[in-house]
Amino acid sequence: MSAFTFRCQVPAGPDDDEDDATLAALELLDRRGYPHQVLRSGVTDLREVTIRPRR
């Protein structure tokens, strides 16, 4: 048995929550024909991620 992670970036609207983002990602996998079984999911809002400038 093996396991791996799908990471995909999907556009989100201003009022979308984690459930909306998860559903959008699963729909994307279905449309592309990737077989999957959800064991765990996590959502990161990239609008909230800050990147420190290089020194």
C-alpha atoms as a PDB file:
ATOM      1  CA  MET A   1       0.000   0.000   0.000  1.00  0.00           C
ATOM      2  CA  SER A   2       1.245   3.472  -0.745  1.00  0.00           C
ATOM      3  CA  ALA A   3       0.008   6.960  -0.093  1.00  0.00           C
ATOM      4  CA  PHE A   4       0.709  10.293  -1.677  1.00  0.00           C
ATOM      5  CA  THR A   5      -0.596  13.823  -1.565  1.00  0.00           C
ATOM      6  CA  PHE A   6      -2.385  15.839  -4.205  1.00  0.00           C
ATOM      7  CA  ARG A   7      -1.849  19.534  -3.845  1.00  0.00           C
ATOM      8  CA  CYS A   8      -3.829  21.759  -6.088  1.00  0.00           C
ATOM      9  CA  GLN A   9      -4.533  25.445  -6.177  1.00  0.00           C
ATOM     10  CA  VAL A  10      -8.064  26.506  -7.011  1.00  0.00           C
ATOM     11  CA  PRO A  11      -9.401  30.043  -7.325  1.00  0.00           C
ATOM     12  CA  ALA A  12     -11.667  31.077  -4.479  1.00  0.00           C
ATOM     13  CA  GLY A  13     -14.201  33.843  -4.164  1.00  0.00           C
ATOM     14  CA  PRO A  14     -14.105  36.372  -1.347  1.00  0.00           C
ATOM     15  CA  ASP A  15     -16.872  34.579   0.573  1.00  0.00           C
ATOM     16  CA  ASP A  16     -15.614  31.003   0.043  1.00  0.00           C
ATOM     17  CA  ASP A  17     -14.773  28.974   3.138  1.00  0.00           C
ATOM     18  CA  GLU A  18     -12.774  25.769   3.663  1.00  0.00           C
ATOM     19  CA  ASP A  19     -15.677  23.555   2.595  1.00  0.00           C
ATOM     20  CA  ASP A  20     -16.084  25.465  -0.685  1.00  0.00           C
ATOM     21  CA  ALA A  21     -12.353  25.220  -1.388  1.00  0.00           C
ATOM     22  CA  THR A  22     -12.276  21.484  -0.633  1.00  0.00           C
ATOM     23  CA  LEU A  23     -15.242  20.831  -2.919  1.00  0.00           C
ATOM     24  CA  ALA A  24     -13.636  22.875  -5.705  1.00  0.00           C
ATOM     25  CA  ALA A  25     -10.410  20.857  -5.396  1.00  0.00           C
ATOM     26  CA  LEU A  26     -12.288  17.528  -5.454  1.00  0.00           C
ATOM     27  CA  GLU A  27     -14.284  18.636  -8.505  1.00  0.00           C
ATOM     28  CA  LEU A  28     -11.008  19.530 -10.235  1.00  0.00           C
ATOM     29  CA  LEU A  29      -9.602  16.055  -9.537  1.00  0.00           C
ATOM     30  CA  ASP A  30     -12.823  14.464 -10.856  1.00  0.00           C
ATOM     31  CA  ARG A  31     -12.800  16.571 -14.045  1.00  0.00           C
ATOM     32  CA  ARG A  32      -9.184  15.615 -14.715  1.00  0.00           C
ATOM     33  CA  GLY A  33      -9.968  11.936 -14.182  1.00  0.00           C
ATOM     34  CA  TYR A  34      -7.688  11.384 -11.178  1.00  0.00           C
ATOM     35  CA  PRO A  35      -8.989   8.579  -8.965  1.00  0.00           C
ATOM     36  CA  HIS A  36      -8.932   9.595  -5.317  1.00  0.00           C
ATOM     37  CA  GLN A  37     -10.158   8.761  -1.871  1.00  0.00           C
ATOM     38  CA  VAL A  38     -10.206  11.517   0.708  1.00  0.00           C
ATOM     39  CA  LEU A  39      -8.487  10.477   3.914  1.00  0.00           C
ATOM     40  CA  ARG A  40      -7.765  13.950   5.166  1.00  0.00           C
ATOM     41  CA  SER A  41      -7.969  17.425   3.686  1.00  0.00           C
ATOM     42  CA  GLY A  42      -6.465  20.755   4.573  1.00  0.00           C
ATOM     43  CA  VAL A  43      -6.983  24.214   3.161  1.00  0.00           C
ATOM     44  CA  THR A  44      -4.598  27.167   3.174  1.00  0.00           C
ATOM     45  CA  ASP A  45      -5.811  30.625   2.181  1.00  0.00           C
ATOM     46  CA  LEU A  46      -2.841  31.963   0.226  1.00  0.00           C
ATOM     47  CA  ARG A  47      -4.180  35.501   0.611  1.00  0.00           C
ATOM     48  CA  GLU A  48      -3.203  35.263   4.287  1.00  0.00           C
ATOM     49  CA  VAL A  49       0.325  33.949   3.710  1.00  0.00           C
ATOM     50  CA  THR A  50       3.080  36.512   4.096  1.00  0.00           C
ATOM     51  CA  ILE A  51       6.547  36.078   2.683  1.00  0.00           C
ATOM     52  CA  ARG A  52       9.472  37.655   4.467  1.00  0.00           C
ATOM     53  CA  PRO A  53      11.767  39.656   2.206  1.00  0.00           C
ATOM     54  CA  ARG A  54      15.228  38.255   1.576  1.00  0.00           C
ATOM     55  CA  ARG A  55      18.093  39.901   3.392  1.00  0.00           C
END
